[in-house]
């Protein structure tokens, strides 16, 4: 009986959905960033872009302590629900969200 429970636990632990939770591919996230985020947040993710100036808004620097202090779930919520003048991004997959968070986390190290 114990071996059956142990085997079931290993199957659950090793499923792709569980492995994907809380992890992401920063390189894939950079590609997704380029497609969905770059126009407003900029190549350097500083938010200092013509769109920000044209809209007369401050777009947060994604490398800032304030942004980096947000939980992964909070970052994903901003991406999927929007915040302030940032519209939600509707066509992101779960993998895209995890990858974007992984990429955003690399910005703090630069």
PDB file of N, CA and C in Angstrom:
ATOM      1  N   UNK A   1       0.819  -1.195   0.000  1.00  0.00           N
ATOM      2  CA  UNK A   1       0.000   0.000   0.000  1.00  0.00           C
ATOM      3  C   UNK A   1       0.867   1.264   0.000  1.00  0.00           C
ATOM      4  N   UNK A   2       1.927   1.236   0.801  1.00  0.00           N
ATOM      5  CA  UNK A   2       2.813   2.399   0.858  1.00  0.00           C
ATOM      6  C   UNK A   2       3.466   2.660  -0.493  1.00  0.00           C
ATOM      7  N   UNK A   3       3.831   1.605  -1.204  1.00  0.00           N
ATOM      8  CA  UNK A   3       4.482   1.801  -2.497  1.00  0.00           C
ATOM      9  C   UNK A   3       3.513   2.391  -3.522  1.00  0.00           C
ATOM     10  N   UNK A   4       2.232   2.028  -3.435  1.00  0.00           N
ATOM     11  CA  UNK A   4       1.230   2.596  -4.336  1.00  0.00           C
ATOM     12  C   UNK A   4       1.061   4.077  -4.056  1.00  0.00           C
ATOM     13  N   UNK A   5       0.994   4.454  -2.783  1.00  0.00           N
ATOM     14  CA  UNK A   5       0.874   5.868  -2.418  1.00  0.00           C
ATOM     15  C   UNK A   5       2.116   6.645  -2.848  1.00  0.00           C
ATOM     16  N   UNK A   6       3.273   6.051  -2.650  1.00  0.00           N
ATOM     17  CA  UNK A   6       4.507   6.721  -3.047  1.00  0.00           C
ATOM     18  C   UNK A   6       4.550   6.921  -4.557  1.00  0.00           C
ATOM     19  N   UNK A   7       4.136   5.922  -5.315  1.00  0.00           N
ATOM     20  CA  UNK A   7       4.113   6.042  -6.770  1.00  0.00           C
ATOM     21  C   UNK A   7       3.126   7.113  -7.213  1.00  0.00           C
ATOM     22  N   UNK A   8       1.955   7.150  -6.597  1.00  0.00           N
ATOM     23  CA  UNK A   8       0.957   8.169  -6.943  1.00  0.00           C
ATOM     24  C   UNK A   8       1.482   9.563  -6.631  1.00  0.00           C
ATOM     25  N   UNK A   9       2.167   9.707  -5.518  1.00  0.00           N
ATOM     26  CA  UNK A   9       2.738  10.998  -5.147  1.00  0.00           C
ATOM     27  C   UNK A   9       3.799  11.426  -6.153  1.00  0.00           C
ATOM     28  N   UNK A  10       4.633  10.500  -6.598  1.00  0.00           N
ATOM     29  CA  UNK A  10       5.665  10.830  -7.578  1.00  0.00           C
ATOM     30  C   UNK A  10       5.056  11.256  -8.911  1.00  0.00           C
ATOM     31  N   UNK A  11       3.985  10.610  -9.331  1.00  0.00           N
ATOM     32  CA  UNK A  11       3.318  11.002 -10.573  1.00  0.00           C
ATOM     33  C   UNK A  11       2.784  12.422 -10.447  1.00  0.00           C
ATOM     34  N   UNK A  12       2.167  12.730  -9.305  1.00  0.00           N
ATOM     35  CA  UNK A  12       1.627  14.070  -9.087  1.00  0.00           C
ATOM     36  C   UNK A  12       2.736  15.106  -9.073  1.00  0.00           C
ATOM     37  N   UNK A  13       3.796  14.823  -8.370  1.00  0.00           N
ATOM     38  CA  UNK A  13       4.897  15.777  -8.232  1.00  0.00           C
ATOM     39  C   UNK A  13       5.561  16.042  -9.574  1.00  0.00           C
ATOM     40  N   UNK A  14       5.635  15.050 -10.434  1.00  0.00           N
ATOM     41  CA  UNK A  14       6.360  15.182 -11.697  1.00  0.00           C
ATOM     42  C   UNK A  14       5.499  15.610 -12.877  1.00  0.00           C
ATOM     43  N   UNK A  15       4.250  15.968 -12.657  1.00  0.00           N
ATOM     44  CA  UNK A  15       3.427  16.403 -13.777  1.00  0.00           C
ATOM     45  C   UNK A  15       3.903  17.756 -14.263  1.00  0.00           C
ATOM     46  N   UNK A  16       3.781  18.036 -15.561  1.00  0.00           N
ATOM     47  CA  UNK A  16       4.243  19.316 -16.103  1.00  0.00           C
ATOM     48  C   UNK A  16       3.590  20.521 -15.440  1.00  0.00           C
ATOM     49  N   UNK A  17       2.317  20.443 -15.101  1.00  0.00           N
ATOM     50  CA  UNK A  17       1.639  21.592 -14.487  1.00  0.00           C
ATOM     51  C   UNK A  17       2.260  21.936 -13.152  1.00  0.00           C
ATOM     52  N   UNK A  18       2.596  20.924 -12.380  1.00  0.00           N
ATOM     53  CA  UNK A  18       3.217  21.184 -11.084  1.00  0.00           C
ATOM     54  C   UNK A  18       4.625  21.726 -11.282  1.00  0.00           C
ATOM     55  N   UNK A  19       5.350  21.159 -12.244  1.00  0.00           N
ATOM     56  CA  UNK A  19       6.703  21.638 -12.503  1.00  0.00           C
ATOM     57  C   UNK A  19       6.712  23.063 -13.019  1.00  0.00           C
ATOM     58  N   UNK A  20       5.698  23.452 -13.792  1.00  0.00           N
ATOM     59  CA  UNK A  20       5.649  24.796 -14.362  1.00  0.00           C
ATOM     60  C   UNK A  20       5.297  25.850 -13.324  1.00  0.00           C
ATOM     61  N   UNK A  21       4.584  25.476 -12.289  1.00  0.00           N
ATOM     62  CA  UNK A  21       4.142  26.443 -11.284  1.00  0.00           C
ATOM     63  C   UNK A  21       5.364  27.060 -10.612  1.00  0.00           C
ATOM     64  N   UNK A  22       5.440  28.381 -10.625  1.00  0.00           N
ATOM     65  CA  UNK A  22       6.509  29.078  -9.942  1.00  0.00           C
ATOM     66  C   UNK A  22       7.833  29.067 -10.687  1.00  0.00           C
ATOM     67  N   UNK A  23       7.848  28.553 -11.894  1.00  0.00           N
ATOM     68  CA  UNK A  23       9.079  28.542 -12.666  1.00  0.00           C
ATOM     69  C   UNK A  23       8.781  29.028 -14.066  1.00  0.00           C
ATOM     70  N   UNK A  24       9.809  29.401 -14.748  1.00  0.00           N
ATOM     71  CA  UNK A  24       9.620  29.853 -16.113  1.00  0.00           C
ATOM     72  C   UNK A  24      10.952  29.923 -16.820  1.00  0.00           C
ATOM     73  N   UNK A  25      10.882  30.079 -18.109  1.00  0.00           N
ATOM     74  CA  UNK A  25      12.050  30.168 -18.974  1.00  0.00           C
ATOM     75  C   UNK A  25      12.256  31.641 -19.327  1.00  0.00           C
ATOM     76  N   UNK A  26      13.300  32.235 -18.759  1.00  0.00           N
ATOM     77  CA  UNK A  26      13.541  33.662 -18.955  1.00  0.00           C
ATOM     78  C   UNK A  26      13.795  34.010 -20.423  1.00  0.00           C
ATOM     79  N   UNK A  27      14.449  33.132 -21.158  1.00  0.00           N
ATOM     80  CA  UNK A  27      14.708  33.407 -22.583  1.00  0.00           C
ATOM     81  C   UNK A  27      13.398  33.448 -23.364  1.00  0.00           C
ATOM     82  N   UNK A  28      12.510  32.503 -23.077  1.00  0.00           N
ATOM     83  CA  UNK A  28      11.192  32.519 -23.720  1.00  0.00           C
ATOM     84  C   UNK A  28      10.406  33.744 -23.259  1.00  0.00           C
ATOM     85  N   UNK A  29      10.571  34.115 -21.998  1.00  0.00           N
ATOM     86  CA  UNK A  29       9.910  35.311 -21.473  1.00  0.00           C
ATOM     87  C   UNK A  29      10.380  36.576 -22.164  1.00  0.00           C
ATOM     88  N   UNK A  30      11.651  36.625 -22.501  1.00  0.00           N
ATOM     89  CA  UNK A  30      12.184  37.791 -23.234  1.00  0.00           C
ATOM     90  C   UNK A  30      11.532  37.896 -24.605  1.00  0.00           C
ATOM     91  N   UNK A  31      11.336  36.766 -25.261  1.00  0.00           N
ATOM     92  CA  UNK A  31      10.656  36.762 -26.563  1.00  0.00           C
ATOM     93  C   UNK A  31       9.216  37.254 -26.423  1.00  0.00           C
ATOM     94  N   UNK A  32       8.516  36.757 -25.407  1.00  0.00           N
ATOM     95  CA  UNK A  32       7.131  37.181 -25.165  1.00  0.00           C
ATOM     96  C   UNK A  32       7.092  38.658 -24.816  1.00  0.00           C
ATOM     97  N   UNK A  33       8.053  39.123 -24.024  1.00  0.00           N
ATOM     98  CA  UNK A  33       8.161  40.542 -23.679  1.00  0.00           C
ATOM     99  C   UNK A  33       8.275  41.372 -24.954  1.00  0.00           C
ATOM    100  N   UNK A  34       9.101  40.915 -25.878  1.00  0.00           N
ATOM    101  CA  UNK A  34       9.282  41.641 -27.135  1.00  0.00           C
ATOM    102  C   UNK A  34       8.000  41.760 -27.943  1.00  0.00           C
ATOM    103  N   UNK A  35       7.161  40.763 -27.854  1.00  0.00           N
ATOM    104  CA  UNK A  35       5.906  40.762 -28.610  1.00  0.00           C
ATOM    105  C   UNK A  35       4.796  41.561 -27.937  1.00  0.00           C
ATOM    106  N   UNK A  36       4.763  41.555 -26.618  1.00  0.00           N
ATOM    107  CA  UNK A  36       3.609  42.111 -25.908  1.00  0.00           C
ATOM    108  C   UNK A  36       3.905  43.326 -25.028  1.00  0.00           C
ATOM    109  N   UNK A  37       5.140  43.527 -24.630  1.00  0.00           N
ATOM    110  CA  UNK A  37       5.437  44.521 -23.590  1.00  0.00           C
ATOM    111  C   UNK A  37       6.383  45.626 -24.031  1.00  0.00           C
ATOM    112  N   UNK A  38       7.230  45.328 -24.989  1.00  0.00           N
ATOM    113  CA  UNK A  38       8.316  46.223 -25.377  1.00  0.00           C
ATOM    114  C   UNK A  38       7.852  47.607 -25.815  1.00  0.00           C
ATOM    115  N   UNK A  39       6.777  47.695 -26.538  1.00  0.00           N
ATOM    116  CA  UNK A  39       6.335  48.992 -27.063  1.00  0.00           C
ATOM    117  C   UNK A  39       6.090  50.005 -25.952  1.00  0.00           C
ATOM    118  N   UNK A  40       5.515  49.562 -24.867  1.00  0.00           N
ATOM    119  CA  UNK A  40       5.210  50.485 -23.763  1.00  0.00           C
ATOM    120  C   UNK A  40       6.316  50.537 -22.708  1.00  0.00           C
ATOM    121  N   UNK A  41       6.899  49.375 -22.389  1.00  0.00           N
ATOM    122  CA  UNK A  41       7.888  49.331 -21.311  1.00  0.00           C
ATOM    123  C   UNK A  41       9.304  49.588 -21.794  1.00  0.00           C
ATOM    124  N   UNK A  42       9.556  49.473 -23.098  1.00  0.00           N
ATOM    125  CA  UNK A  42      10.864  49.770 -23.658  1.00  0.00           C
ATOM    126  C   UNK A  42      11.799  48.585 -23.666  1.00  0.00           C
ATOM    127  N   UNK A  43      12.819  48.668 -24.513  1.00  0.00           N
ATOM    128  CA  UNK A  43      13.795  47.590 -24.647  1.00  0.00           C
ATOM    129  C   UNK A  43      14.537  47.345 -23.342  1.00  0.00           C
ATOM    130  N   UNK A  44      14.742  48.414 -22.580  1.00  0.00           N
ATOM    131  CA  UNK A  44      15.452  48.279 -21.304  1.00  0.00           C
ATOM    132  C   UNK A  44      14.496  48.121 -20.122  1.00  0.00           C
ATOM    133  N   UNK A  45      13.198  48.043 -20.396  1.00  0.00           N
ATOM    134  CA  UNK A  45      12.143  47.858 -19.382  1.00  0.00           C
ATOM    135  C   UNK A  45      12.033  49.020 -18.401  1.00  0.00           C
ATOM    136  N   UNK A  46      12.592  50.165 -18.784  1.00  0.00           N
ATOM    137  CA  UNK A  46      12.581  51.327 -17.885  1.00  0.00           C
ATOM    138  C   UNK A  46      11.248  52.060 -17.879  1.00  0.00           C
ATOM    139  N   UNK A  47      10.435  51.841 -18.921  1.00  0.00           N
ATOM    140  CA  UNK A  47       9.168  52.560 -19.027  1.00  0.00           C
ATOM    141  C   UNK A  47       9.316  53.965 -19.584  1.00  0.00           C
ATOM    142  N   UNK A  48      10.527  54.353 -19.877  1.00  0.00           N
ATOM    143  CA  UNK A  48      10.805  55.684 -20.430  1.00  0.00           C
ATOM    144  C   UNK A  48      10.688  55.597 -21.954  1.00  0.00           C
ATOM    145  N   UNK A  49       9.442  55.650 -22.431  1.00  0.00           N
ATOM    146  CA  UNK A  49       9.186  55.427 -23.853  1.00  0.00           C
ATOM    147  C   UNK A  49       8.346  56.556 -24.438  1.00  0.00           C
ATOM    148  N   UNK A  50       8.330  56.686 -25.765  1.00  0.00           N
ATOM    149  CA  UNK A  50       7.464  57.674 -26.399  1.00  0.00           C
ATOM    150  C   UNK A  50       5.983  57.470 -26.052  1.00  0.00           C
ATOM    151  N   UNK A  51       5.570  56.228 -25.887  1.00  0.00           N
ATOM    152  CA  UNK A  51       4.167  55.968 -25.526  1.00  0.00           C
ATOM    153  C   UNK A  51       3.866  56.566 -24.156  1.00  0.00           C
ATOM    154  N   UNK A  52       4.767  56.390 -23.207  1.00  0.00           N
ATOM    155  CA  UNK A  52       4.562  56.956 -21.868  1.00  0.00           C
ATOM    156  C   UNK A  52       4.482  58.479 -21.935  1.00  0.00           C
ATOM    157  N   UNK A  53       5.370  59.065 -22.711  1.00  0.00           N
ATOM    158  CA  UNK A  53       5.374  60.523 -22.844  1.00  0.00           C
ATOM    159  C   UNK A  53       4.109  61.000 -23.535  1.00  0.00           C
ATOM    160  N   UNK A  54       3.705  60.295 -24.593  1.00  0.00           N
ATOM    161  CA  UNK A  54       2.506  60.675 -25.339  1.00  0.00           C
ATOM    162  C   UNK A  54       1.237  60.564 -24.503  1.00  0.00           C
ATOM    163  N   UNK A  55       1.182  59.556 -23.651  1.00  0.00           N
ATOM    164  CA  UNK A  55       0.004  59.361 -22.793  1.00  0.00           C
ATOM    165  C   UNK A  55       0.108  60.153 -21.495  1.00  0.00           C
ATOM    166  N   UNK A  56       1.277  60.768 -21.281  1.00  0.00           N
ATOM    167  CA  UNK A  56       1.542  61.528 -20.052  1.00  0.00           C
ATOM    168  C   UNK A  56       1.322  60.668 -18.815  1.00  0.00           C
ATOM    169  N   UNK A  57       1.938  59.479 -18.858  1.00  0.00           N
ATOM    170  CA  UNK A  57       1.862  58.555 -17.731  1.00  0.00           C
ATOM    171  C   UNK A  57       3.277  58.116 -17.357  1.00  0.00           C
ATOM    172  N   UNK A  58       3.399  57.646 -16.137  1.00  0.00           N
ATOM    173  CA  UNK A  58       4.642  57.055 -15.686  1.00  0.00           C
ATOM    174  C   UNK A  58       4.476  55.544 -15.732  1.00  0.00           C
ATOM    175  N   UNK A  59       5.281  54.910 -16.534  1.00  0.00           N
ATOM    176  CA  UNK A  59       5.268  53.456 -16.618  1.00  0.00           C
ATOM    177  C   UNK A  59       6.403  52.969 -15.722  1.00  0.00           C
ATOM    178  N   UNK A  60       6.092  52.091 -14.780  1.00  0.00           N
ATOM    179  CA  UNK A  60       7.123  51.664 -13.827  1.00  0.00           C
ATOM    180  C   UNK A  60       8.295  50.959 -14.501  1.00  0.00           C
ATOM    181  N   UNK A  61       9.465  51.207 -13.961  1.00  0.00           N
ATOM    182  CA  UNK A  61      10.659  50.497 -14.381  1.00  0.00           C
ATOM    183  C   UNK A  61      10.547  49.079 -13.822  1.00  0.00           C
ATOM    184  N   UNK A  62      10.580  48.081 -14.693  1.00  0.00           N
ATOM    185  CA  UNK A  62      10.386  46.703 -14.252  1.00  0.00           C
ATOM    186  C   UNK A  62      11.559  46.177 -13.433  1.00  0.00           C
ATOM    187  N   UNK A  63      12.689  46.869 -13.457  1.00  0.00           N
ATOM    188  CA  UNK A  63      13.835  46.479 -12.637  1.00  0.00           C
ATOM    189  C   UNK A  63      13.798  47.135 -11.257  1.00  0.00           C
ATOM    190  N   UNK A  64      12.840  48.018 -11.033  1.00  0.00           N
ATOM    191  CA  UNK A  64      12.784  48.765  -9.771  1.00  0.00           C
ATOM    192  C   UNK A  64      12.491  47.859  -8.580  1.00  0.00           C
ATOM    193  N   UNK A  65      12.893  48.316  -7.409  1.00  0.00           N
ATOM    194  CA  UNK A  65      12.639  47.555  -6.181  1.00  0.00           C
ATOM    195  C   UNK A  65      11.144  47.351  -5.961  1.00  0.00           C
ATOM    196  N   UNK A  66      10.344  48.346  -6.324  1.00  0.00           N
ATOM    197  CA  UNK A  66       8.894  48.247  -6.129  1.00  0.00           C
ATOM    198  C   UNK A  66       8.293  47.122  -6.972  1.00  0.00           C
ATOM    199  N   UNK A  67       8.687  47.055  -8.219  1.00  0.00           N
ATOM    200  CA  UNK A  67       8.166  46.003  -9.100  1.00  0.00           C
ATOM    201  C   UNK A  67       8.735  44.652  -8.682  1.00  0.00           C
ATOM    202  N   UNK A  68      10.012  44.600  -8.406  1.00  0.00           N
ATOM    203  CA  UNK A  68      10.638  43.339  -8.028  1.00  0.00           C
ATOM    204  C   UNK A  68      10.106  42.812  -6.693  1.00  0.00           C
ATOM    205  N   UNK A  69       9.578  43.687  -5.848  1.00  0.00           N
ATOM    206  CA  UNK A  69       9.018  43.257  -4.563  1.00  0.00           C
ATOM    207  C   UNK A  69       7.652  42.585  -4.719  1.00  0.00           C
ATOM    208  N   UNK A  70       7.012  42.774  -5.871  1.00  0.00           N
ATOM    209  CA  UNK A  70       5.716  42.142  -6.102  1.00  0.00           C
ATOM    210  C   UNK A  70       5.887  40.626  -6.191  1.00  0.00           C
ATOM    211  N   UNK A  71       4.889  39.919  -5.714  1.00  0.00           N
ATOM    212  CA  UNK A  71       4.926  38.462  -5.840  1.00  0.00           C
ATOM    213  C   UNK A  71       4.729  38.076  -7.299  1.00  0.00           C
ATOM    214  N   UNK A  72       5.090  36.850  -7.625  1.00  0.00           N
ATOM    215  CA  UNK A  72       4.870  36.354  -8.985  1.00  0.00           C
ATOM    216  C   UNK A  72       3.389  36.439  -9.337  1.00  0.00           C
ATOM    217  N   UNK A  73       2.546  36.075  -8.380  1.00  0.00           N
ATOM    218  CA  UNK A  73       1.092  36.116  -8.619  1.00  0.00           C
ATOM    219  C   UNK A  73       0.621  37.544  -8.878  1.00  0.00           C
ATOM    220  N   UNK A  74       1.169  38.514  -8.156  1.00  0.00           N
ATOM    221  CA  UNK A  74       0.779  39.912  -8.382  1.00  0.00           C
ATOM    222  C   UNK A  74       1.237  40.400  -9.755  1.00  0.00           C
ATOM    223  N   UNK A  75       2.438  40.015 -10.173  1.00  0.00           N
ATOM    224  CA  UNK A  75       2.901  40.390 -11.509  1.00  0.00           C
ATOM    225  C   UNK A  75       1.993  39.791 -12.573  1.00  0.00           C
ATOM    226  N   UNK A  76       1.642  38.539 -12.406  1.00  0.00           N
ATOM    227  CA  UNK A  76       0.760  37.884 -13.365  1.00  0.00           C
ATOM    228  C   UNK A  76      -0.624  38.522 -13.377  1.00  0.00           C
ATOM    229  N   UNK A  77      -1.093  38.964 -12.224  1.00  0.00           N
ATOM    230  CA  UNK A  77      -2.397  39.620 -12.149  1.00  0.00           C
ATOM    231  C   UNK A  77      -2.385  40.927 -12.945  1.00  0.00           C
ATOM    232  N   UNK A  78      -1.308  41.690 -12.828  1.00  0.00           N
ATOM    233  CA  UNK A  78      -1.193  42.933 -13.603  1.00  0.00           C
ATOM    234  C   UNK A  78      -1.204  42.610 -15.093  1.00  0.00           C
ATOM    235  N   UNK A  79      -0.508  41.558 -15.479  1.00  0.00           N
ATOM    236  CA  UNK A  79      -0.458  41.187 -16.893  1.00  0.00           C
ATOM    237  C   UNK A  79      -1.833  40.790 -17.424  1.00  0.00           C
ATOM    238  N   UNK A  80      -2.571  40.033 -16.635  1.00  0.00           N
ATOM    239  CA  UNK A  80      -3.846  39.487 -17.122  1.00  0.00           C
ATOM    240  C   UNK A  80      -5.039  40.398 -16.866  1.00  0.00           C
ATOM    241  N   UNK A  81      -4.932  41.293 -15.866  1.00  0.00           N
ATOM    242  CA  UNK A  81      -6.062  42.158 -15.542  1.00  0.00           C
ATOM    243  C   UNK A  81      -5.788  43.625 -15.826  1.00  0.00           C
ATOM    244  N   UNK A  82      -4.519  43.966 -16.061  1.00  0.00           N
ATOM    245  CA  UNK A  82      -4.159  45.357 -16.280  1.00  0.00           C
ATOM    246  C   UNK A  82      -4.062  46.108 -14.968  1.00  0.00           C
ATOM    247  N   UNK A  83      -3.603  47.349 -15.067  1.00  0.00           N
ATOM    248  CA  UNK A  83      -3.501  48.199 -13.876  1.00  0.00           C
ATOM    249  C   UNK A  83      -3.366  49.637 -14.358  1.00  0.00           C
ATOM    250  N   UNK A  84      -4.194  50.509 -13.810  1.00  0.00           N
ATOM    251  CA  UNK A  84      -4.170  51.895 -14.253  1.00  0.00           C
ATOM    252  C   UNK A  84      -4.491  51.962 -15.731  1.00  0.00           C
ATOM    253  N   UNK A  85      -3.613  52.598 -16.500  1.00  0.00           N
ATOM    254  CA  UNK A  85      -3.837  52.712 -17.948  1.00  0.00           C
ATOM    255  C   UNK A  85      -3.308  51.514 -18.728  1.00  0.00           C
ATOM    256  N   UNK A  86      -2.661  50.581 -18.025  1.00  0.00           N
ATOM    257  CA  UNK A  86      -2.181  49.387 -18.719  1.00  0.00           C
ATOM    258  C   UNK A  86      -3.350  48.440 -18.934  1.00  0.00           C
ATOM    259  N   UNK A  87      -3.620  48.123 -20.190  1.00  0.00           N
ATOM    260  CA  UNK A  87      -4.709  47.178 -20.456  1.00  0.00           C
ATOM    261  C   UNK A  87      -4.261  45.746 -20.166  1.00  0.00           C
ATOM    262  N   UNK A  88      -5.207  44.868 -19.910  1.00  0.00           N
ATOM    263  CA  UNK A  88      -4.836  43.458 -19.738  1.00  0.00           C
ATOM    264  C   UNK A  88      -4.354  42.870 -21.060  1.00  0.00           C
ATOM    265  N   UNK A  89      -3.457  41.928 -20.956  1.00  0.00           N
ATOM    266  CA  UNK A  89      -2.996  41.206 -22.135  1.00  0.00           C
ATOM    267  C   UNK A  89      -3.775  39.903 -22.159  1.00  0.00           C
ATOM    268  N   UNK A  90      -4.673  39.781 -23.112  1.00  0.00           N
ATOM    269  CA  UNK A  90      -5.644  38.679 -23.126  1.00  0.00           C
ATOM    270  C   UNK A  90      -5.101  37.362 -23.664  1.00  0.00           C
ATOM    271  N   UNK A  91      -4.104  37.375 -24.502  1.00  0.00           N
ATOM    272  CA  UNK A  91      -3.708  36.142 -25.179  1.00  0.00           C
ATOM    273  C   UNK A  91      -2.441  35.494 -24.620  1.00  0.00           C
ATOM    274  N   UNK A  92      -2.169  35.686 -23.337  1.00  0.00           N
ATOM    275  CA  UNK A  92      -1.015  35.041 -22.718  1.00  0.00           C
ATOM    276  C   UNK A  92      -1.410  33.682 -22.155  1.00  0.00           C
ATOM    277  N   UNK A  93      -0.617  32.676 -22.443  1.00  0.00           N
ATOM    278  CA  UNK A  93      -0.844  31.356 -21.867  1.00  0.00           C
ATOM    279  C   UNK A  93      -0.245  31.319 -20.462  1.00  0.00           C
ATOM    280  N   UNK A  94      -0.545  30.263 -19.720  1.00  0.00           N
ATOM    281  CA  UNK A  94       0.067  30.098 -18.405  1.00  0.00           C
ATOM    282  C   UNK A  94       1.589  30.050 -18.529  1.00  0.00           C
ATOM    283  N   UNK A  95       2.080  29.361 -19.545  1.00  0.00           N
ATOM    284  CA  UNK A  95       3.526  29.291 -19.762  1.00  0.00           C
ATOM    285  C   UNK A  95       4.093  30.683 -20.050  1.00  0.00           C
ATOM    286  N   UNK A  96       3.384  31.473 -20.869  1.00  0.00           N
ATOM    287  CA  UNK A  96       3.829  32.844 -21.152  1.00  0.00           C
ATOM    288  C   UNK A  96       3.952  33.648 -19.864  1.00  0.00           C
ATOM    289  N   UNK A  97       2.962  33.523 -18.985  1.00  0.00           N
ATOM    290  CA  UNK A  97       2.970  34.269 -17.726  1.00  0.00           C
ATOM    291  C   UNK A  97       4.171  33.883 -16.873  1.00  0.00           C
ATOM    292  N   UNK A  98       4.409  32.597 -16.735  1.00  0.00           N
ATOM    293  CA  UNK A  98       5.561  32.143 -15.947  1.00  0.00           C
ATOM    294  C   UNK A  98       6.871  32.591 -16.584  1.00  0.00           C
ATOM    295  N   UNK A  99       6.943  32.527 -17.899  1.00  0.00           N
ATOM    296  CA  UNK A  99       8.155  32.940 -18.607  1.00  0.00           C
ATOM    297  C   UNK A  99       8.391  34.439 -18.474  1.00  0.00           C
ATOM    298  N   UNK A 100       7.332  35.232 -18.578  1.00  0.00           N
ATOM    299  CA  UNK A 100       7.476  36.683 -18.413  1.00  0.00           C
ATOM    300  C   UNK A 100       7.961  37.035 -17.016  1.00  0.00           C
ATOM    301  N   UNK A 101       7.403  36.390 -16.006  1.00  0.00           N
ATOM    302  CA  UNK A 101       7.857  36.647 -14.637  1.00  0.00           C
ATOM    303  C   UNK A 101       9.333  36.278 -14.507  1.00  0.00           C
ATOM    304  N   UNK A 102       9.730  35.138 -15.061  1.00  0.00           N
ATOM    305  CA  UNK A 102      11.136  34.731 -15.000  1.00  0.00           C
ATOM    306  C   UNK A 102      12.020  35.786 -15.663  1.00  0.00           C
ATOM    307  N   UNK A 103      11.581  36.321 -16.795  1.00  0.00           N
ATOM    308  CA  UNK A 103      12.357  37.365 -17.476  1.00  0.00           C
ATOM    309  C   UNK A 103      12.408  38.641 -16.637  1.00  0.00           C
ATOM    310  N   UNK A 104      11.297  39.056 -16.100  1.00  0.00           N
ATOM    311  CA  UNK A 104      11.259  40.277 -15.280  1.00  0.00           C
ATOM    312  C   UNK A 104      12.186  40.145 -14.078  1.00  0.00           C
ATOM    313  N   UNK A 105      12.258  38.964 -13.503  1.00  0.00           N
ATOM    314  CA  UNK A 105      13.147  38.741 -12.359  1.00  0.00           C
ATOM    315  C   UNK A 105      14.614  38.912 -12.760  1.00  0.00           C
ATOM    316  N   UNK A 106      14.964  38.624 -14.015  1.00  0.00           N
ATOM    317  CA  UNK A 106      16.361  38.789 -14.432  1.00  0.00           C
ATOM    318  C   UNK A 106      16.747  40.261 -14.521  1.00  0.00           C
ATOM    319  N   UNK A 107      15.768  41.136 -14.673  1.00  0.00           N
ATOM    320  CA  UNK A 107      16.065  42.562 -14.823  1.00  0.00           C
ATOM    321  C   UNK A 107      16.641  43.155 -13.551  1.00  0.00           C
ATOM    322  N   UNK A 108      16.298  42.609 -12.403  1.00  0.00           N
ATOM    323  CA  UNK A 108      16.811  43.113 -11.132  1.00  0.00           C
ATOM    324  C   UNK A 108      18.313  42.850 -10.995  1.00  0.00           C
ATOM    325  N   UNK A 109      18.800  41.880 -11.697  1.00  0.00           N
ATOM    326  CA  UNK A 109      20.205  41.493 -11.586  1.00  0.00           C
ATOM    327  C   UNK A 109      21.115  42.309 -12.487  1.00  0.00           C
ATOM    328  N   UNK A 110      20.523  43.132 -13.347  1.00  0.00           N
ATOM    329  CA  UNK A 110      21.346  43.895 -14.306  1.00  0.00           C
ATOM    330  C   UNK A 110      21.827  45.185 -13.705  1.00  0.00           C
TER     331      UNK A 110
END
